[in-house]
């Protein structure tokens, strides 16, 4: 379940992707004599200064046709204001680098804001019009979206010129969580989906090694006419301060309250159909999806990606046993890990477990309140009571959440016409291609190899959201 046991205090500065548009323009006729080559460095610097000084009319006048439609002057001003609200005002421009990217010239403008150092990535088409704009943490820009530090490139199944990304803030009580809204370009009201990450302090992309499965999903679904909302988990931003009392933490604090706030936020967007807001949970997020939907009539349907139906403590033991005995033998050190996992399960399941105590999960202390809360949760029963559409997807090679869980969902929802199920051959827990041979399951080392969520999975999710019902085999 993407388990990082316990809650660790850590802050991550998120990529502030204002928009992603790339459109190649060709010159209709040769110009004679040839004009001077554009000074992209100067153009990039000037553009940022125009934004910083409120000259949004001059800045927007430099956009190409697609950008002008996607980000007119008023929206550009709103987007810049949203950025400044998060990182403070622009203090200085330190340097500008210009690099070629395919048929474009890209100016990286190093900007010092009050609270962060960012690189503005400004994409220029062949006639020096601005065809794309990004803001990324300084040092992650290396001339392409495939910078080694960032470790991510857009999947081939995305169409970056078909949607816009805007930084947002989700507020649940007094906790504020940064996130991104990916919205298709165009008028009308679109279906929307809120992404719910697995266990551990995840960023908005659910980053694991060089992989960003939630960014894959967001870009893929937004390219297909679906608004996607993703955000940083509370435990990633606030750590031990994720609840007013760390000794009483539950999944309501870690996950549920924030998801419901995100769904409410989505419903208020002018381009979102409030009657078509879906919930997509991965791993722990999928496990909790029936509970979240049960208490939120705003949710029109749920998508369960690699969701366990068995208790979490059982999965911990299963995962440790698998990882420590894959070669057929169990070393003394491996046996200690198995014993520790089994001890966690005994403590969690003990009838003597009382509020106010702590359970050691491989060196991290988790309050008993967390486990007591989950003890009373039965995902099978809650899912079976739902009347909304349910989509359950599972990777065949997943070692973290097994086919036994997938079969559990099928059993719980047997005879329910609102439920759809699908298994994907050769995919792991991230719904990426597994390198495991034969009938072997995947391993954690696969997550260190860059990949993308399967286009089949993204396509099936988009198809189902557009018309919830059975999928093709």
Protein backbone atom coordinates (compact mmCIF):
# COMPACT_ATOMS: atom_id res chain seq x y z
CA UNK A 1 0.00 0.00 0.00
CA UNK A 2 2.89 2.36 -0.64
CA UNK A 3 3.45 2.02 3.10
CA UNK A 4 5.79 4.43 4.80
CA UNK A 5 4.95 3.39 8.37
CA UNK A 6 4.14 6.22 10.71
CA UNK A 7 3.94 9.95 10.17
CA UNK A 8 7.15 11.83 9.44
CA UNK A 9 7.50 15.59 9.50
CA UNK A 10 8.62 16.78 6.10
CA UNK A 11 7.79 19.53 3.67
CA UNK A 12 8.00 19.33 -0.09
CA UNK A 13 7.79 22.29 -2.36
CA UNK A 14 5.52 21.32 -5.18
CA UNK A 15 5.91 22.04 -8.83
CA UNK A 16 3.68 24.99 -9.59
CA UNK A 17 2.55 24.00 -13.07
CA UNK A 18 0.56 27.00 -14.21
CA UNK A 19 -0.14 25.50 -17.59
CA UNK A 20 1.19 23.12 -20.19
CA UNK A 21 0.65 24.13 -23.79
CA UNK A 22 2.84 23.39 -26.79
CA UNK A 23 1.76 24.22 -30.30
CA UNK A 24 4.08 24.24 -33.27
CA UNK A 25 3.55 27.11 -35.66
CA UNK A 26 5.08 27.23 -39.10
CA UNK A 27 5.91 30.34 -41.01
CA UNK A 28 3.60 30.67 -44.01
CA UNK A 29 6.12 32.30 -46.25
CA UNK A 30 9.82 32.89 -46.40
CA UNK A 31 10.86 36.32 -45.28
CA UNK A 32 13.39 38.23 -47.28
CA UNK A 33 15.58 39.63 -46.02
CA UNK A 34 15.79 37.46 -42.92
CA UNK A 35 14.95 39.37 -39.74
CA UNK A 36 17.34 39.33 -36.78
CA UNK A 37 17.09 36.19 -34.68
CA UNK A 38 14.82 36.73 -31.67
CA UNK A 39 16.58 37.31 -28.35
CA UNK A 40 14.74 34.66 -26.35
CA UNK A 41 16.68 35.47 -23.21
CA UNK A 42 15.51 39.08 -23.33
CA UNK A 43 11.98 38.07 -24.26
CA UNK A 44 11.78 35.68 -21.31
CA UNK A 45 13.10 38.21 -18.82
CA UNK A 46 10.77 40.92 -20.12
CA UNK A 47 7.74 38.64 -19.91
CA UNK A 48 8.36 37.84 -16.23
CA UNK A 49 8.92 41.51 -15.41
CA UNK A 50 5.62 42.35 -17.09
CA UNK A 51 3.86 39.82 -14.89
CA UNK A 52 5.57 41.13 -11.76
CA UNK A 53 4.59 44.74 -12.55
CA UNK A 54 0.99 43.95 -13.42
CA UNK A 55 1.32 44.56 -17.17
CA UNK A 56 -0.79 41.54 -18.00
CA UNK A 57 -2.05 43.04 -21.25
CA UNK A 58 1.49 43.27 -22.61
CA UNK A 59 2.35 39.81 -21.32
CA UNK A 60 -0.77 38.18 -22.81
CA UNK A 61 -0.14 39.92 -26.15
CA UNK A 62 2.89 37.64 -26.62
CA UNK A 63 0.84 34.41 -26.53
CA UNK A 64 0.19 32.30 -29.58
CA UNK A 65 -3.40 31.53 -30.60
CA UNK A 66 -3.82 28.51 -28.34
CA UNK A 67 -2.40 30.28 -25.32
CA UNK A 68 -4.51 33.36 -25.95
CA UNK A 69 -7.63 31.22 -25.86
CA UNK A 70 -6.52 29.15 -22.87
CA UNK A 71 -5.11 31.96 -20.76
CA UNK A 72 -6.55 35.37 -21.63
CA UNK A 73 -5.38 38.49 -19.80
CA UNK A 74 -7.83 38.17 -16.90
CA UNK A 75 -6.97 34.51 -16.24
CA UNK A 76 -3.25 35.24 -16.55
CA UNK A 77 -3.61 37.91 -13.85
CA UNK A 78 -5.51 35.48 -11.60
CA UNK A 79 -2.92 32.75 -12.12
CA UNK A 80 -0.01 35.05 -11.28
CA UNK A 81 -1.84 36.28 -8.16
CA UNK A 82 -2.35 32.67 -7.06
CA UNK A 83 1.36 31.97 -7.49
CA UNK A 84 2.38 35.10 -5.57
CA UNK A 85 -0.01 34.15 -2.76
CA UNK A 86 1.97 30.93 -2.28
CA UNK A 87 5.57 32.02 -2.81
CA UNK A 88 5.53 35.77 -2.23
CA UNK A 89 6.39 38.60 -4.60
CA UNK A 90 9.22 38.49 -7.13
CA UNK A 91 12.42 39.90 -5.65
CA UNK A 92 14.96 39.35 -8.42
CA UNK A 93 15.77 37.61 -11.71
CA UNK A 94 19.22 36.03 -11.49
CA UNK A 95 19.86 34.47 -14.88
CA UNK A 96 18.20 33.27 -18.06
CA UNK A 97 19.15 30.12 -19.99
CA UNK A 98 17.86 29.34 -23.46
CA UNK A 99 17.84 25.77 -24.73
CA UNK A 100 16.30 24.08 -27.79
CA UNK A 101 13.50 21.57 -27.21
CA UNK A 102 12.30 19.85 -30.36
CA UNK A 103 11.01 22.69 -32.58
CA UNK A 104 10.87 25.22 -29.76
CA UNK A 105 13.21 27.54 -27.89
CA UNK A 106 12.78 27.44 -24.14
CA UNK A 107 13.89 30.23 -21.81
CA UNK A 108 14.51 29.24 -18.20
CA UNK A 109 14.22 32.41 -16.11
CA UNK A 110 15.64 31.94 -12.62
CA UNK A 111 13.30 33.87 -10.30
CA UNK A 112 13.85 34.69 -6.66
CA UNK A 113 10.53 35.02 -4.85
CA UNK A 114 10.12 35.90 -1.19
CA UNK A 115 9.55 32.31 -0.11
CA UNK A 116 11.09 30.20 -2.87
CA UNK A 117 13.44 30.10 -5.83
CA UNK A 118 11.64 29.06 -9.02
CA UNK A 119 12.57 28.64 -12.65
CA UNK A 120 10.02 30.03 -15.09
CA UNK A 121 10.01 27.81 -18.16
CA UNK A 122 8.76 29.84 -21.13
CA UNK A 123 8.24 27.92 -24.38
CA UNK A 124 8.62 29.99 -27.56
CA UNK A 125 7.37 28.88 -30.97
CA UNK A 126 9.29 29.54 -34.16
CA UNK A 127 7.83 33.03 -34.54
CA UNK A 128 8.77 34.00 -30.96
CA UNK A 129 5.23 33.64 -29.63
CA UNK A 130 4.77 32.08 -26.18
CA UNK A 131 3.35 28.58 -26.55
CA UNK A 132 3.79 27.30 -22.99
CA UNK A 133 4.51 28.42 -19.45
CA UNK A 134 5.62 26.47 -16.37
CA UNK A 135 7.03 27.33 -12.95
CA UNK A 136 9.23 24.64 -11.38
CA UNK A 137 11.50 24.52 -8.33
CA UNK A 138 14.91 25.96 -9.15
CA UNK A 139 17.38 23.29 -10.24
CA UNK A 140 14.76 20.93 -11.69
CA UNK A 141 14.82 22.64 -15.05
CA UNK A 142 17.46 21.16 -17.30
CA UNK A 143 16.19 21.94 -20.73
CA UNK A 144 13.34 19.50 -20.83
CA UNK A 145 10.55 17.97 -18.81
CA UNK A 146 12.78 14.89 -18.58
CA UNK A 147 15.31 16.59 -16.30
CA UNK A 148 17.17 13.97 -14.27
CA UNK A 149 16.23 15.72 -11.03
CA UNK A 150 12.56 15.78 -11.89
CA UNK A 151 12.54 12.29 -13.41
CA UNK A 152 9.28 12.76 -15.30
CA UNK A 153 8.22 13.31 -18.89
CA UNK A 154 4.71 13.64 -20.22
CA UNK A 155 3.23 10.29 -21.30
CA UNK A 156 2.63 9.83 -25.02
CA UNK A 157 -1.10 9.51 -24.38
CA UNK A 158 -1.41 13.09 -23.10
CA UNK A 159 -2.23 16.22 -25.11
CA UNK A 160 -0.72 19.12 -23.13
CA UNK A 161 -2.31 21.75 -25.38
CA UNK A 162 -5.79 20.48 -24.51
CA UNK A 163 -5.83 21.41 -20.82
CA UNK A 164 -4.59 23.92 -18.27
CA UNK A 165 -3.08 23.37 -14.84
CA UNK A 166 -3.68 25.88 -12.06
CA UNK A 167 -2.23 25.84 -8.52
CA UNK A 168 -4.94 25.63 -5.87
CA UNK A 169 -5.24 25.38 -2.10
CA UNK A 170 -7.59 22.91 -0.41
CA UNK A 171 -8.68 24.05 3.05
CA UNK A 172 -10.00 21.57 5.59
CA UNK A 173 -10.64 23.40 8.84
CA UNK A 174 -7.33 25.17 9.56
CA UNK A 175 -5.16 22.93 7.38
CA UNK A 176 -4.25 24.29 3.97
CA UNK A 177 -3.00 21.88 1.33
CA UNK A 178 -1.41 22.92 -1.97
CA UNK A 179 -2.59 21.16 -5.07
CA UNK A 180 -3.25 21.39 -8.78
CA UNK A 181 -6.42 21.58 -10.84
CA UNK A 182 -6.05 20.13 -14.35
CA UNK A 183 -8.92 21.33 -16.50
CA UNK A 184 -9.73 20.77 -20.19
CA UNK A 185 -9.67 23.85 -22.40
CA UNK A 186 -13.12 24.85 -23.59
CA UNK A 187 -16.54 25.87 -22.42
CA UNK A 188 -19.14 23.72 -20.75
CA UNK A 189 -19.24 21.64 -17.61
CA UNK A 190 -16.96 18.62 -17.38
CA UNK A 191 -16.97 15.60 -15.09
CA UNK A 192 -14.35 15.84 -12.35
CA UNK A 193 -12.31 13.35 -10.35
CA UNK A 194 -10.52 13.83 -7.03
CA UNK A 195 -7.36 11.70 -6.61
CA UNK A 196 -6.76 10.10 -3.19
CA UNK A 197 -3.26 8.79 -2.52
CA UNK A 198 -2.04 5.70 -0.73
CA UNK A 199 -0.61 5.48 2.76
CA UNK A 200 2.33 7.63 3.74
CA UNK A 201 3.05 11.36 3.36
CA UNK A 202 2.57 11.69 -0.40
CA UNK A 203 2.89 14.79 -2.54
CA UNK A 204 0.16 15.67 -5.05
CA UNK A 205 1.71 13.48 -7.75
CA UNK A 206 2.03 10.47 -5.42
CA UNK A 207 5.72 10.54 -6.38
CA UNK A 208 7.59 7.27 -5.92
CA UNK A 209 11.19 7.32 -7.12
CA UNK A 210 11.18 8.99 -10.55
CA UNK A 211 7.53 8.06 -11.09
CA UNK A 212 4.50 10.29 -10.69
CA UNK A 213 1.43 8.10 -11.21
CA UNK A 214 -1.05 10.81 -10.17
CA UNK A 215 0.49 13.29 -12.58
CA UNK A 216 0.21 10.66 -15.33
CA UNK A 217 -3.44 10.24 -14.40
CA UNK A 218 -4.17 13.95 -14.18
CA UNK A 219 -2.62 14.74 -17.56
CA UNK A 220 -4.13 11.67 -19.20
CA UNK A 221 -7.66 12.28 -17.93
CA UNK A 222 -7.55 16.04 -18.51
CA UNK A 223 -6.52 15.28 -22.10
CA UNK A 224 -9.76 13.33 -22.39
CA UNK A 225 -12.16 16.01 -21.15
CA UNK A 226 -12.09 15.36 -17.40
CA UNK A 227 -11.21 17.87 -14.69
CA UNK A 228 -8.71 16.38 -12.21
CA UNK A 229 -7.96 17.65 -8.72
CA UNK A 230 -4.91 16.42 -6.83
CA UNK A 231 -3.25 17.78 -3.69
CA UNK A 232 -0.53 17.15 -1.13
CA UNK A 233 -1.56 14.92 1.75
CA UNK A 234 -1.83 16.59 5.11
CA UNK A 235 0.81 14.30 6.60
CA UNK A 236 3.28 15.37 3.90
CA UNK A 237 2.91 19.06 4.73
CA UNK A 238 2.24 19.03 8.46
CA UNK A 239 3.76 15.77 9.73
CA UNK A 240 3.03 15.22 13.41
CA UNK A 241 0.95 18.39 13.43
CA UNK A 242 -1.58 16.86 11.04
CA UNK A 243 -4.09 16.76 13.88
CA UNK A 244 -4.61 18.86 16.97
CA UNK A 245 -3.62 15.87 19.08
CA UNK A 246 -1.11 13.47 17.51
CA UNK A 247 -2.16 10.79 20.00
CA UNK A 248 -5.65 10.63 18.51
CA UNK A 249 -4.85 10.53 14.80
CA UNK A 250 -7.25 8.54 12.59
CA UNK A 251 -7.76 8.14 8.85
CA UNK A 252 -10.41 10.84 9.16
CA UNK A 253 -7.58 13.28 9.95
CA UNK A 254 -5.07 11.76 7.55
CA UNK A 255 -7.36 11.35 4.55
CA UNK A 256 -11.12 11.67 4.78
CA UNK A 257 -11.70 15.28 5.85
CA UNK A 258 -9.34 16.57 3.16
CA UNK A 259 -10.91 14.48 0.39
CA UNK A 260 -14.35 15.80 1.22
CA UNK A 261 -13.00 19.35 1.23
CA UNK A 262 -11.44 18.70 -2.18
CA UNK A 263 -14.73 17.35 -3.56
CA UNK A 264 -16.54 20.43 -2.26
CA UNK A 265 -13.90 22.63 -3.90
CA UNK A 266 -14.36 20.82 -7.21
CA UNK A 267 -18.13 21.30 -7.07
CA UNK A 268 -17.67 25.07 -6.92
CA UNK A 269 -15.66 25.29 -10.14
CA UNK A 270 -17.58 26.86 -13.00
CA UNK A 271 -16.33 24.29 -15.50
CA UNK A 272 -17.29 21.29 -13.35
CA UNK A 273 -20.61 19.46 -13.43
CA UNK A 274 -21.38 19.15 -9.68
CA UNK A 275 -23.46 16.03 -10.37
CA UNK A 276 -20.48 14.21 -11.90
CA UNK A 277 -17.73 14.36 -9.27
CA UNK A 278 -15.91 11.07 -8.89
CA UNK A 279 -13.44 9.77 -6.35
CA UNK A 280 -10.35 7.84 -7.47
CA UNK A 281 -8.45 6.18 -4.65
CA UNK A 282 -5.19 4.31 -4.93
CA UNK A 283 -4.10 1.75 -2.34
CA UNK A 284 -5.10 3.21 1.06
CA UNK A 285 -7.17 5.81 -0.77
CA UNK A 286 -9.00 3.00 -2.57
CA UNK A 287 -9.47 1.07 0.67
CA UNK A 288 -11.17 4.12 2.21
CA UNK A 289 -13.18 5.12 -0.88
CA UNK A 290 -16.44 3.40 0.21
CA UNK A 291 -16.26 5.11 3.60
CA UNK A 292 -15.60 8.51 2.06
CA UNK A 293 -18.46 8.15 -0.42
CA UNK A 294 -20.86 6.86 2.23
CA UNK A 295 -20.62 10.15 4.08
CA UNK A 296 -20.53 12.44 1.06
CA UNK A 297 -23.56 12.65 -1.27
CA UNK A 298 -21.47 14.87 -3.58
CA UNK A 299 -19.60 11.77 -4.83
CA UNK A 300 -21.19 10.36 -8.00
CA UNK A 301 -19.02 7.24 -8.18
CA UNK A 302 -15.80 5.70 -6.89
CA UNK A 303 -12.80 4.17 -8.63
CA UNK A 304 -10.78 1.65 -6.64
CA UNK A 305 -7.20 1.25 -7.89
CA UNK A 306 -5.32 -1.55 -6.12
CA UNK A 307 -7.50 -1.22 -3.06
CA UNK A 308 -7.16 -3.73 -0.26
CA UNK A 309 -10.32 -5.13 1.23
CA UNK A 310 -8.44 -7.04 3.92
CA UNK A 311 -7.21 -5.25 7.08
CA UNK A 312 -3.99 -3.25 6.73
CA UNK A 313 -2.13 -5.16 9.44
CA UNK A 314 -2.62 -8.41 7.51
CA UNK A 315 -1.11 -6.86 4.40
CA UNK A 316 1.94 -5.69 6.36
CA UNK A 317 2.71 -9.28 7.35
CA UNK A 318 2.04 -10.60 3.86
CA UNK A 319 4.30 -8.03 2.23
CA UNK A 320 7.18 -8.59 4.66
CA UNK A 321 7.00 -12.36 4.26
CA UNK A 322 7.06 -12.04 0.49
CA UNK A 323 9.98 -9.61 0.36
CA UNK A 324 12.11 -11.54 2.84
CA UNK A 325 11.63 -15.01 1.38
CA UNK A 326 11.61 -14.52 -2.38
CA UNK A 327 14.75 -16.63 -2.84
CA UNK A 328 13.17 -19.54 -1.04
CA UNK A 329 15.07 -19.18 2.22
CA UNK A 330 14.60 -16.98 5.27
CA UNK A 331 17.74 -15.60 6.90
CA UNK A 332 17.88 -14.88 10.66
CA UNK A 333 17.66 -11.16 9.91
CA UNK A 334 14.68 -11.71 7.64
CA UNK A 335 12.97 -13.75 10.33
CA UNK A 336 13.34 -10.80 12.71
CA UNK A 337 11.48 -8.62 10.24
CA UNK A 338 8.73 -11.21 9.90
CA UNK A 339 8.48 -11.50 13.66
CA UNK A 340 8.22 -7.71 13.95
CA UNK A 341 5.43 -7.59 11.39
CA UNK A 342 3.55 -10.36 13.15
CA UNK A 343 3.97 -8.50 16.44
CA UNK A 344 2.35 -5.44 14.87
CA UNK A 345 -0.57 -7.56 13.74
CA UNK A 346 -0.99 -9.10 17.22
CA UNK A 347 -0.99 -5.70 18.91
CA UNK A 348 -3.37 -4.15 16.42
CA UNK A 349 -5.81 -7.06 16.65
CA UNK A 350 -5.54 -7.49 20.41
CA UNK A 351 -8.85 -7.09 22.26
CA UNK A 352 -6.84 -5.35 24.97
CA UNK A 353 -5.77 -2.48 22.70
CA UNK A 354 -6.83 0.74 24.38
CA UNK A 355 -6.89 4.41 23.34
CA UNK A 356 -3.82 6.39 24.30
CA UNK A 357 -1.22 3.71 23.61
CA UNK A 358 1.34 3.62 20.80
CA UNK A 359 2.26 0.77 18.48
CA UNK A 360 5.77 0.49 17.08
CA UNK A 361 5.59 -0.13 13.31
CA UNK A 362 9.19 -0.77 12.24
CA UNK A 363 10.55 2.10 14.32
CA UNK A 364 7.68 4.54 13.83
CA UNK A 365 5.15 5.12 16.57
CA UNK A 366 1.49 5.03 15.53
CA UNK A 367 -1.31 5.82 17.97
CA UNK A 368 -3.80 3.11 18.82
CA UNK A 369 -6.57 5.51 17.79
CA UNK A 370 -5.57 4.95 14.16
CA UNK A 371 -5.94 1.20 14.38
CA UNK A 372 -9.05 1.21 16.57
CA UNK A 373 -10.77 3.43 14.03
CA UNK A 374 -9.95 1.03 11.19
CA UNK A 375 -11.04 -1.94 13.27
CA UNK A 376 -14.64 -0.77 13.02
CA UNK A 377 -14.41 -0.18 9.28
CA UNK A 378 -15.71 -2.85 6.92
CA UNK A 379 -15.06 -1.75 3.32
CA UNK A 380 -16.98 -4.71 1.88
CA UNK A 381 -20.18 -3.86 3.72
CA UNK A 382 -19.94 -0.15 2.96
CA UNK A 383 -19.24 -0.77 -0.72
CA UNK A 384 -22.17 -3.18 -0.97
CA UNK A 385 -24.51 -0.55 0.51
CA UNK A 386 -23.55 2.10 -2.06
CA UNK A 387 -25.93 2.80 -4.94
CA UNK A 388 -23.42 4.82 -6.98
CA UNK A 389 -21.24 3.29 -9.75
CA UNK A 390 -18.07 1.52 -8.60
CA UNK A 391 -15.04 0.64 -10.73
CA UNK A 392 -12.46 -1.80 -9.31
CA UNK A 393 -9.11 -2.16 -11.12
CA UNK A 394 -6.18 -4.42 -10.22
CA UNK A 395 -2.68 -5.08 -11.53
CA UNK A 396 -1.94 -8.78 -11.93
CA UNK A 397 1.68 -8.41 -10.72
CA UNK A 398 0.91 -6.28 -7.66
CA UNK A 399 2.67 -7.65 -4.57
CA UNK A 400 1.32 -5.01 -2.18
CA UNK A 401 -2.39 -5.52 -2.81
CA UNK A 402 -3.10 -8.99 -4.12
CA UNK A 403 -5.64 -10.69 -6.32
CA UNK A 404 -7.18 -11.96 -3.09
CA UNK A 405 -8.30 -8.39 -2.41
CA UNK A 406 -9.65 -8.00 -5.93
CA UNK A 407 -11.60 -11.23 -5.49
CA UNK A 408 -12.85 -9.87 -2.17
CA UNK A 409 -14.34 -6.83 -3.88
CA UNK A 410 -15.96 -9.06 -6.51
CA UNK A 411 -17.50 -11.22 -3.82
CA UNK A 412 -18.71 -8.25 -1.80
CA UNK A 413 -20.29 -6.67 -4.88
CA UNK A 414 -21.55 -9.84 -6.56
CA UNK A 415 -24.86 -9.16 -8.23
CA UNK A 416 -24.47 -5.40 -7.99
CA UNK A 417 -25.13 -3.93 -11.42
CA UNK A 418 -23.37 -0.72 -10.36
CA UNK A 419 -19.98 -2.47 -10.02
CA UNK A 420 -17.38 -3.04 -12.77
CA UNK A 421 -14.15 -5.04 -12.40
CA UNK A 422 -10.99 -5.43 -14.48
CA UNK A 423 -7.56 -7.05 -14.05
CA UNK A 424 -4.54 -5.88 -16.07
CA UNK A 425 -1.99 -8.48 -17.08
CA UNK A 426 1.63 -7.62 -16.31
CA UNK A 427 1.00 -4.46 -14.27
CA UNK A 428 2.31 -3.71 -10.77
CA UNK A 429 0.93 -1.66 -7.86
CA UNK A 430 1.49 1.61 -9.76
CA UNK A 431 -0.30 0.17 -12.81
CA UNK A 432 2.97 0.28 -14.71
CA UNK A 433 4.66 -2.56 -16.58
CA UNK A 434 6.29 -5.02 -14.18
CA UNK A 435 9.66 -6.56 -14.93
CA UNK A 436 8.83 -9.70 -12.95
CA UNK A 437 9.17 -12.86 -15.03
CA UNK A 438 6.54 -15.53 -15.46
CA UNK A 439 4.05 -15.76 -12.64
CA UNK A 440 6.27 -13.88 -10.18
CA UNK A 441 5.00 -10.74 -8.50
CA UNK A 442 6.68 -7.36 -8.68
CA UNK A 443 9.23 -5.95 -6.20
CA UNK A 444 9.87 -2.46 -4.77
CA UNK A 445 12.95 -2.03 -6.98
CA UNK A 446 10.62 -1.59 -9.96
CA UNK A 447 9.51 1.73 -8.52
CA UNK A 448 13.01 3.11 -9.04
CA UNK A 449 12.73 2.60 -12.79
CA UNK A 450 10.99 5.41 -14.65
CA UNK A 451 7.72 4.55 -16.31
CA UNK A 452 4.17 5.69 -16.86
CA UNK A 453 0.78 4.45 -15.81
CA UNK A 454 -0.57 2.14 -18.49
CA UNK A 455 -2.48 3.91 -21.27
CA UNK A 456 -5.06 1.14 -21.08
CA UNK A 457 -5.78 1.97 -17.45
CA UNK A 458 -6.02 5.70 -18.09
CA UNK A 459 -8.21 5.13 -21.12
CA UNK A 460 -10.53 2.76 -19.26
CA UNK A 461 -10.93 5.20 -16.38
CA UNK A 462 -11.76 8.03 -18.79
CA UNK A 463 -14.27 5.84 -20.64
CA UNK A 464 -15.93 4.75 -17.40
CA UNK A 465 -16.21 8.30 -16.04
CA UNK A 466 -17.77 9.43 -19.29
CA UNK A 467 -20.29 6.57 -19.12
CA UNK A 468 -20.07 4.48 -15.93
CA UNK A 469 -20.62 0.85 -16.81
CA UNK A 470 -18.93 -2.35 -18.03
CA UNK A 471 -15.56 -2.06 -19.77
CA UNK A 472 -14.34 -4.04 -22.73
CA UNK A 473 -12.21 -7.04 -21.81
